[in-house]
Amino acid sequence: MKRTYLGEFEEIVLLTVVLLEGKAYGVAITHQIIEQTGRAVRLNQVHAALHRLEEKGMVISRMGEATAERGGRRKRLFTITAYGEQTLLDIQAIRSQLISLLPRALKPSISL
């Protein structure tokens, strides 16, 4: 079976789609990534990652209802697919396996 690999940012976007449980759209994902990681993220970066993830079959999108808060505009909502979920589980398994093989536990370095 051919594997599809994710870049680190795509993985973060995919995890955030799961985190938002059906309420994932570009602005919400951007804000969540900034809040959870402290990373500077632009909306166009998130949209590009979502487009790539959709092409890879890891997310699907649908248009939500128009809302007054957005001036009557509709949101494109994203949800993860079974393939996307399996990919995240595969990534977690690989990382856990590699970490279990490390010769010593990882500890944060403390410098005083």
C-alpha atoms as a PDB file:
ATOM      1  CA  MET A   1       0.000   0.000   0.000  1.00  0.00           C
ATOM      2  CA  LYS A   2       1.267   3.413  -0.940  1.00  0.00           C
ATOM      3  CA  ARG A   3       1.745   5.676   2.078  1.00  0.00           C
ATOM      4  CA  THR A   4       0.970   9.326   2.045  1.00  0.00           C
ATOM      5  CA  TYR A   5       3.219  11.429   4.181  1.00  0.00           C
ATOM      6  CA  LEU A   6       2.307  14.579   6.007  1.00  0.00           C
ATOM      7  CA  GLY A   7       4.443  17.587   6.644  1.00  0.00           C
ATOM      8  CA  GLU A   8       4.622  18.846  10.206  1.00  0.00           C
ATOM      9  CA  PHE A   9       2.269  21.761   9.528  1.00  0.00           C
ATOM     10  CA  GLU A  10      -0.250  19.521   7.738  1.00  0.00           C
ATOM     11  CA  GLU A  11      -0.211  17.219  10.764  1.00  0.00           C
ATOM     12  CA  ILE A  12      -0.926  20.159  13.081  1.00  0.00           C
ATOM     13  CA  VAL A  13      -3.788  21.328  10.852  1.00  0.00           C
ATOM     14  CA  LEU A  14      -5.222  17.801  10.690  1.00  0.00           C
ATOM     15  CA  LEU A  15      -5.046  17.425  14.482  1.00  0.00           C
ATOM     16  CA  THR A  16      -6.745  20.802  14.868  1.00  0.00           C
ATOM     17  CA  VAL A  17      -9.574  19.736  12.548  1.00  0.00           C
ATOM     18  CA  VAL A  18     -10.173  16.793  14.899  1.00  0.00           C
ATOM     19  CA  LEU A  19      -9.930  19.052  17.953  1.00  0.00           C
ATOM     20  CA  LEU A  20     -12.627  21.403  16.652  1.00  0.00           C
ATOM     21  CA  GLU A  21     -15.128  18.534  16.220  1.00  0.00           C
ATOM     22  CA  GLY A  22     -17.161  19.606  13.202  1.00  0.00           C
ATOM     23  CA  LYS A  23     -16.602  23.351  13.725  1.00  0.00           C
ATOM     24  CA  ALA A  24     -13.315  23.475  11.826  1.00  0.00           C
ATOM     25  CA  TYR A  25     -13.021  26.253   9.268  1.00  0.00           C
ATOM     26  CA  GLY A  26     -10.063  28.378   8.242  1.00  0.00           C
ATOM     27  CA  VAL A  27     -10.281  31.166  10.821  1.00  0.00           C
ATOM     28  CA  ALA A  28     -11.136  28.830  13.722  1.00  0.00           C
ATOM     29  CA  ILE A  29      -8.258  26.502  12.818  1.00  0.00           C
ATOM     30  CA  THR A  30      -5.851  29.429  12.556  1.00  0.00           C
ATOM     31  CA  HIS A  31      -6.853  30.778  15.972  1.00  0.00           C
ATOM     32  CA  GLN A  32      -6.682  27.334  17.571  1.00  0.00           C
ATOM     33  CA  ILE A  33      -3.183  26.676  16.215  1.00  0.00           C
ATOM     34  CA  ILE A  34      -1.953  30.035  17.491  1.00  0.00           C
ATOM     35  CA  GLU A  35      -3.563  29.421  20.899  1.00  0.00           C
ATOM     36  CA  GLN A  36      -2.296  25.860  21.278  1.00  0.00           C
ATOM     37  CA  THR A  37       1.196  26.239  19.834  1.00  0.00           C
ATOM     38  CA  GLY A  38       2.042  29.938  20.112  1.00  0.00           C
ATOM     39  CA  ARG A  39       3.123  29.675  16.515  1.00  0.00           C
ATOM     40  CA  ALA A  40       2.596  32.558  14.098  1.00  0.00           C
ATOM     41  CA  VAL A  41       0.199  31.247  11.477  1.00  0.00           C
ATOM     42  CA  ARG A  42      -1.516  33.024   8.619  1.00  0.00           C
ATOM     43  CA  LEU A  43      -4.933  32.123   7.256  1.00  0.00           C
ATOM     44  CA  ASN A  44      -3.579  31.515   3.753  1.00  0.00           C
ATOM     45  CA  GLN A  45      -1.152  28.923   5.143  1.00  0.00           C
ATOM     46  CA  VAL A  46      -4.036  27.071   6.797  1.00  0.00           C
ATOM     47  CA  HIS A  47      -6.120  27.220   3.619  1.00  0.00           C
ATOM     48  CA  ALA A  48      -3.220  25.833   1.571  1.00  0.00           C
ATOM     49  CA  ALA A  49      -2.723  22.974   4.056  1.00  0.00           C
ATOM     50  CA  LEU A  50      -6.455  22.202   4.075  1.00  0.00           C
ATOM     51  CA  HIS A  51      -6.449  22.102   0.273  1.00  0.00           C
ATOM     52  CA  ARG A  52      -3.519  19.641   0.282  1.00  0.00           C
ATOM     53  CA  LEU A  53      -5.188  17.501   2.947  1.00  0.00           C
ATOM     54  CA  GLU A  54      -8.404  17.425   0.944  1.00  0.00           C
ATOM     55  CA  GLU A  55      -6.496  16.385  -2.189  1.00  0.00           C
ATOM     56  CA  LYS A  56      -4.849  13.584  -0.178  1.00  0.00           C
ATOM     57  CA  GLY A  57      -8.287  12.405   1.009  1.00  0.00           C
ATOM     58  CA  MET A  58      -7.645  13.139   4.689  1.00  0.00           C
ATOM     59  CA  VAL A  59     -10.355  15.756   5.134  1.00  0.00           C
ATOM     60  CA  ILE A  60     -13.632  16.524   3.450  1.00  0.00           C
ATOM     61  CA  SER A  61     -15.417  19.838   3.386  1.00  0.00           C
ATOM     62  CA  ARG A  62     -18.954  21.099   3.113  1.00  0.00           C
ATOM     63  CA  MET A  63     -20.528  24.509   3.163  1.00  0.00           C
ATOM     64  CA  GLY A  64     -22.143  25.437   6.488  1.00  0.00           C
ATOM     65  CA  GLU A  65     -25.098  27.698   7.044  1.00  0.00           C
ATOM     66  CA  ALA A  66     -24.878  31.455   6.582  1.00  0.00           C
ATOM     67  CA  THR A  67     -24.389  33.322   9.845  1.00  0.00           C
ATOM     68  CA  ALA A  68     -25.106  36.910  10.829  1.00  0.00           C
ATOM     69  CA  GLU A  69     -21.679  37.203  12.477  1.00  0.00           C
ATOM     70  CA  ARG A  70     -20.087  36.724   9.062  1.00  0.00           C
ATOM     71  CA  GLY A  71     -22.452  39.096   7.271  1.00  0.00           C
ATOM     72  CA  GLY A  72     -24.507  36.248   5.865  1.00  0.00           C
ATOM     73  CA  ARG A  73     -21.506  34.424   4.414  1.00  0.00           C
ATOM     74  CA  ARG A  74     -21.198  30.690   4.751  1.00  0.00           C
ATOM     75  CA  LYS A  75     -18.220  28.841   6.229  1.00  0.00           C
ATOM     76  CA  ARG A  76     -16.458  25.908   4.581  1.00  0.00           C
ATOM     77  CA  LEU A  77     -16.365  23.323   7.374  1.00  0.00           C
ATOM     78  CA  PHE A  78     -13.800  20.515   7.427  1.00  0.00           C
ATOM     79  CA  THR A  79     -13.976  17.066   8.983  1.00  0.00           C
ATOM     80  CA  ILE A  80     -11.402  14.326   9.071  1.00  0.00           C
ATOM     81  CA  THR A  81     -11.891  11.155   7.011  1.00  0.00           C
ATOM     82  CA  ALA A  82     -11.216   7.591   8.115  1.00  0.00           C
ATOM     83  CA  TYR A  83      -8.018   7.730   6.058  1.00  0.00           C
ATOM     84  CA  GLY A  84      -6.951  10.904   7.870  1.00  0.00           C
ATOM     85  CA  GLU A  85      -7.630   9.277  11.240  1.00  0.00           C
ATOM     86  CA  GLN A  86      -5.609   6.204  10.264  1.00  0.00           C
ATOM     87  CA  THR A  87      -2.741   8.412   9.126  1.00  0.00           C
ATOM     88  CA  LEU A  88      -2.665  10.209  12.504  1.00  0.00           C
ATOM     89  CA  LEU A  89      -2.714   6.863  14.326  1.00  0.00           C
ATOM     90  CA  ASP A  90       0.146   5.596  12.131  1.00  0.00           C
ATOM     91  CA  ILE A  91       2.186   8.722  12.888  1.00  0.00           C
ATOM     92  CA  GLN A  92       1.547   8.318  16.622  1.00  0.00           C
ATOM     93  CA  ALA A  93       2.591   4.646  16.494  1.00  0.00           C
ATOM     94  CA  ILE A  94       5.812   5.423  14.622  1.00  0.00           C
ATOM     95  CA  ARG A  95       6.741   8.202  17.050  1.00  0.00           C
ATOM     96  CA  SER A  96       5.955   6.058  20.089  1.00  0.00           C
ATOM     97  CA  GLN A  97       8.066   3.227  18.679  1.00  0.00           C
ATOM     98  CA  LEU A  98      11.025   5.504  18.027  1.00  0.00           C
ATOM     99  CA  ILE A  99      10.790   7.173  21.438  1.00  0.00           C
ATOM    100  CA  SER A 100      10.645   3.770  23.144  1.00  0.00           C
ATOM    101  CA  LEU A 101      13.963   2.907  21.487  1.00  0.00           C
ATOM    102  CA  LEU A 102      15.813   5.983  22.787  1.00  0.00           C
ATOM    103  CA  PRO A 103      18.712   5.043  25.076  1.00  0.00           C
ATOM    104  CA  ARG A 104      17.575   7.489  27.756  1.00  0.00           C
ATOM    105  CA  ALA A 105      14.417   9.360  28.661  1.00  0.00           C
ATOM    106  CA  LEU A 106      13.994  12.805  27.227  1.00  0.00           C
ATOM    107  CA  LYS A 107      14.163  15.454  29.865  1.00  0.00           C
ATOM    108  CA  PRO A 108      13.925  19.208  29.483  1.00  0.00           C
ATOM    109  CA  SER A 109      17.286  20.822  30.028  1.00  0.00           C
ATOM    110  CA  ILE A 110      17.316  23.219  32.908  1.00  0.00           C
ATOM    111  CA  SER A 111      19.791  26.037  32.937  1.00  0.00           C
ATOM    112  CA  LEU A 112      19.881  28.324  35.935  1.00  0.00           C
END
